Amino acid sequence: MVQVHFTSHLRHVVPTGAIEARGGNVAEALCDVFARYPAARGYVLDDQDRIRLHIAVFVDGIHVRSGVLAHPLNSDSELYVMQALSGG
């Protein structure tokens, strides 16, 4: 199973720690998580089901910047979903 981790900023909509999910790519794994934690969907995806601009996704330690939702996962992949922070 894929291990999905969310940044602490999203702890009010997902539990602490890894969430096990099924899926062959990022979209499928997130869909599995959103089925159990629907409030998380609006924080991660926009109204056209694209990754929001302020969200950074890492798969097995690699920052995925393009084609995020289609990015393939292995059965033992670790997926990190984080809010990208900016400021000055």
C-alpha atoms as a PDB file:
ATOM      1  CA  MET A   1       0.000   0.000   0.000  1.00  0.00           C
ATOM      2  CA  VAL A   2       1.075   3.563  -0.689  1.00  0.00           C
ATOM      3  CA  GLN A   3       1.791   5.645   2.408  1.00  0.00           C
ATOM      4  CA  VAL A   4       0.307   9.143   2.089  1.00  0.00           C
ATOM      5  CA  HIS A   5       1.562  11.879   4.412  1.00  0.00           C
ATOM      6  CA  PHE A   6       0.040  15.342   4.760  1.00  0.00           C
ATOM      7  CA  THR A   7       1.673  18.474   6.149  1.00  0.00           C
ATOM      8  CA  SER A   8       0.741  19.463   9.673  1.00  0.00           C
ATOM      9  CA  HIS A   9      -1.200  22.424   8.248  1.00  0.00           C
ATOM     10  CA  LEU A  10      -3.848  19.939   7.084  1.00  0.00           C
ATOM     11  CA  ARG A  11      -4.185  18.059  10.382  1.00  0.00           C
ATOM     12  CA  HIS A  12      -7.659  19.504  10.899  1.00  0.00           C
ATOM     13  CA  VAL A  13      -8.935  17.496   7.881  1.00  0.00           C
ATOM     14  CA  VAL A  14      -6.724  14.367   7.944  1.00  0.00           C
ATOM     15  CA  PRO A  15      -5.321  12.289  10.804  1.00  0.00           C
ATOM     16  CA  THR A  16      -1.765  12.496  12.087  1.00  0.00           C
ATOM     17  CA  GLY A  17       0.612   9.981  10.559  1.00  0.00           C
ATOM     18  CA  ALA A  18       0.621   8.047   7.332  1.00  0.00           C
ATOM     19  CA  ILE A  19      -2.607   7.079   5.600  1.00  0.00           C
ATOM     20  CA  GLU A  20      -2.533   3.844   3.629  1.00  0.00           C
ATOM     21  CA  ALA A  21      -4.000   4.173   0.152  1.00  0.00           C
ATOM     22  CA  ARG A  22      -4.372   2.158  -3.014  1.00  0.00           C
ATOM     23  CA  GLY A  23      -3.469   3.490  -6.418  1.00  0.00           C
ATOM     24  CA  GLY A  24      -1.113   3.165  -9.331  1.00  0.00           C
ATOM     25  CA  ASN A  25      -0.622   6.919  -9.607  1.00  0.00           C
ATOM     26  CA  VAL A  26      -0.969  10.028  -7.463  1.00  0.00           C
ATOM     27  CA  ALA A  27      -4.558  10.724  -8.583  1.00  0.00           C
ATOM     28  CA  GLU A  28      -5.749   7.227  -7.664  1.00  0.00           C
ATOM     29  CA  ALA A  29      -4.053   7.294  -4.261  1.00  0.00           C
ATOM     30  CA  LEU A  30      -5.479  10.734  -3.452  1.00  0.00           C
ATOM     31  CA  CYS A  31      -8.929   9.626  -4.606  1.00  0.00           C
ATOM     32  CA  ASP A  32      -8.726   6.732  -2.152  1.00  0.00           C
ATOM     33  CA  VAL A  33      -7.761   9.105   0.661  1.00  0.00           C
ATOM     34  CA  PHE A  34     -10.478  11.629  -0.263  1.00  0.00           C
ATOM     35  CA  ALA A  35     -13.100   8.877  -0.150  1.00  0.00           C
ATOM     36  CA  ARG A  36     -12.320   8.533   3.562  1.00  0.00           C
ATOM     37  CA  TYR A  37     -11.454  12.182   4.299  1.00  0.00           C
ATOM     38  CA  PRO A  38     -13.549  14.255   1.863  1.00  0.00           C
ATOM     39  CA  ALA A  39     -12.728  17.591   3.528  1.00  0.00           C
ATOM     40  CA  ALA A  40      -9.107  17.224   2.385  1.00  0.00           C
ATOM     41  CA  ARG A  41     -10.070  17.333  -1.301  1.00  0.00           C
ATOM     42  CA  GLY A  42     -10.755  21.083  -1.396  1.00  0.00           C
ATOM     43  CA  TYR A  43      -7.414  21.868   0.213  1.00  0.00           C
ATOM     44  CA  VAL A  44      -5.442  19.773  -2.290  1.00  0.00           C
ATOM     45  CA  LEU A  45      -7.415  20.031  -5.548  1.00  0.00           C
ATOM     46  CA  ASP A  46      -9.011  23.034  -7.239  1.00  0.00           C
ATOM     47  CA  ASP A  47     -12.520  23.067  -8.743  1.00  0.00           C
ATOM     48  CA  GLN A  48     -11.164  21.462 -11.930  1.00  0.00           C
ATOM     49  CA  ASP A  49      -9.555  18.577 -10.007  1.00  0.00           C
ATOM     50  CA  ARG A  50      -6.010  19.891 -10.505  1.00  0.00           C
ATOM     51  CA  ILE A  51      -3.397  20.167  -7.771  1.00  0.00           C
ATOM     52  CA  ARG A  52      -3.699  23.647  -6.252  1.00  0.00           C
ATOM     53  CA  LEU A  53      -0.823  26.004  -6.969  1.00  0.00           C
ATOM     54  CA  HIS A  54       0.171  26.200  -3.306  1.00  0.00           C
ATOM     55  CA  ILE A  55       0.483  22.413  -2.941  1.00  0.00           C
ATOM     56  CA  ALA A  56       3.816  20.603  -3.344  1.00  0.00           C
ATOM     57  CA  VAL A  57       3.843  16.847  -3.951  1.00  0.00           C
ATOM     58  CA  PHE A  58       6.804  14.567  -3.314  1.00  0.00           C
ATOM     59  CA  VAL A  59       6.906  10.915  -4.362  1.00  0.00           C
ATOM     60  CA  ASP A  60       9.627   8.771  -2.834  1.00  0.00           C
ATOM     61  CA  GLY A  61      11.618  11.885  -1.972  1.00  0.00           C
ATOM     62  CA  ILE A  62      11.347  13.517  -5.406  1.00  0.00           C
ATOM     63  CA  HIS A  63       9.474  16.805  -5.867  1.00  0.00           C
ATOM     64  CA  VAL A  64       7.002  16.137  -8.699  1.00  0.00           C
ATOM     65  CA  ARG A  65       6.460  19.397 -10.568  1.00  0.00           C
ATOM     66  CA  SER A  66       4.642  18.435 -13.764  1.00  0.00           C
ATOM     67  CA  GLY A  67       2.112  15.744 -14.489  1.00  0.00           C
ATOM     68  CA  VAL A  68       1.656  15.350 -10.761  1.00  0.00           C
ATOM     69  CA  LEU A  69      -1.633  13.449 -10.788  1.00  0.00           C
ATOM     70  CA  ALA A  70      -0.451  11.013 -13.455  1.00  0.00           C
ATOM     71  CA  HIS A  71       2.868  10.360 -11.703  1.00  0.00           C
ATOM     72  CA  PRO A  72       3.193   6.589 -11.155  1.00  0.00           C
ATOM     73  CA  LEU A  73       3.429   4.995  -7.737  1.00  0.00           C
ATOM     74  CA  ASN A  74       4.823   1.669  -6.596  1.00  0.00           C
ATOM     75  CA  SER A  75       2.979  -0.397  -4.021  1.00  0.00           C
ATOM     76  CA  ASP A  76       5.500   0.761  -1.402  1.00  0.00           C
ATOM     77  CA  SER A  77       5.736   4.414  -2.467  1.00  0.00           C
ATOM     78  CA  GLU A  78       5.586   7.284  -0.016  1.00  0.00           C
ATOM     79  CA  LEU A  79       3.556  10.292  -1.123  1.00  0.00           C
ATOM     80  CA  TYR A  80       3.932  13.611   0.699  1.00  0.00           C
ATOM     81  CA  VAL A  81       1.381  16.391   0.189  1.00  0.00           C
ATOM     82  CA  MET A  82       2.514  19.748   1.545  1.00  0.00           C
ATOM     83  CA  GLN A  83       1.395  23.320   1.441  1.00  0.00           C
ATOM     84  CA  ALA A  84       4.136  25.306  -0.253  1.00  0.00           C
ATOM     85  CA  LEU A  85       4.985  28.330   1.835  1.00  0.00           C
ATOM     86  CA  SER A  86       6.086  31.639   0.408  1.00  0.00           C
ATOM     87  CA  GLY A  87       6.526  35.114   1.660  1.00  0.00           C
ATOM     88  CA  GLY A  88       9.009  37.822   2.109  1.00  0.00           C
END
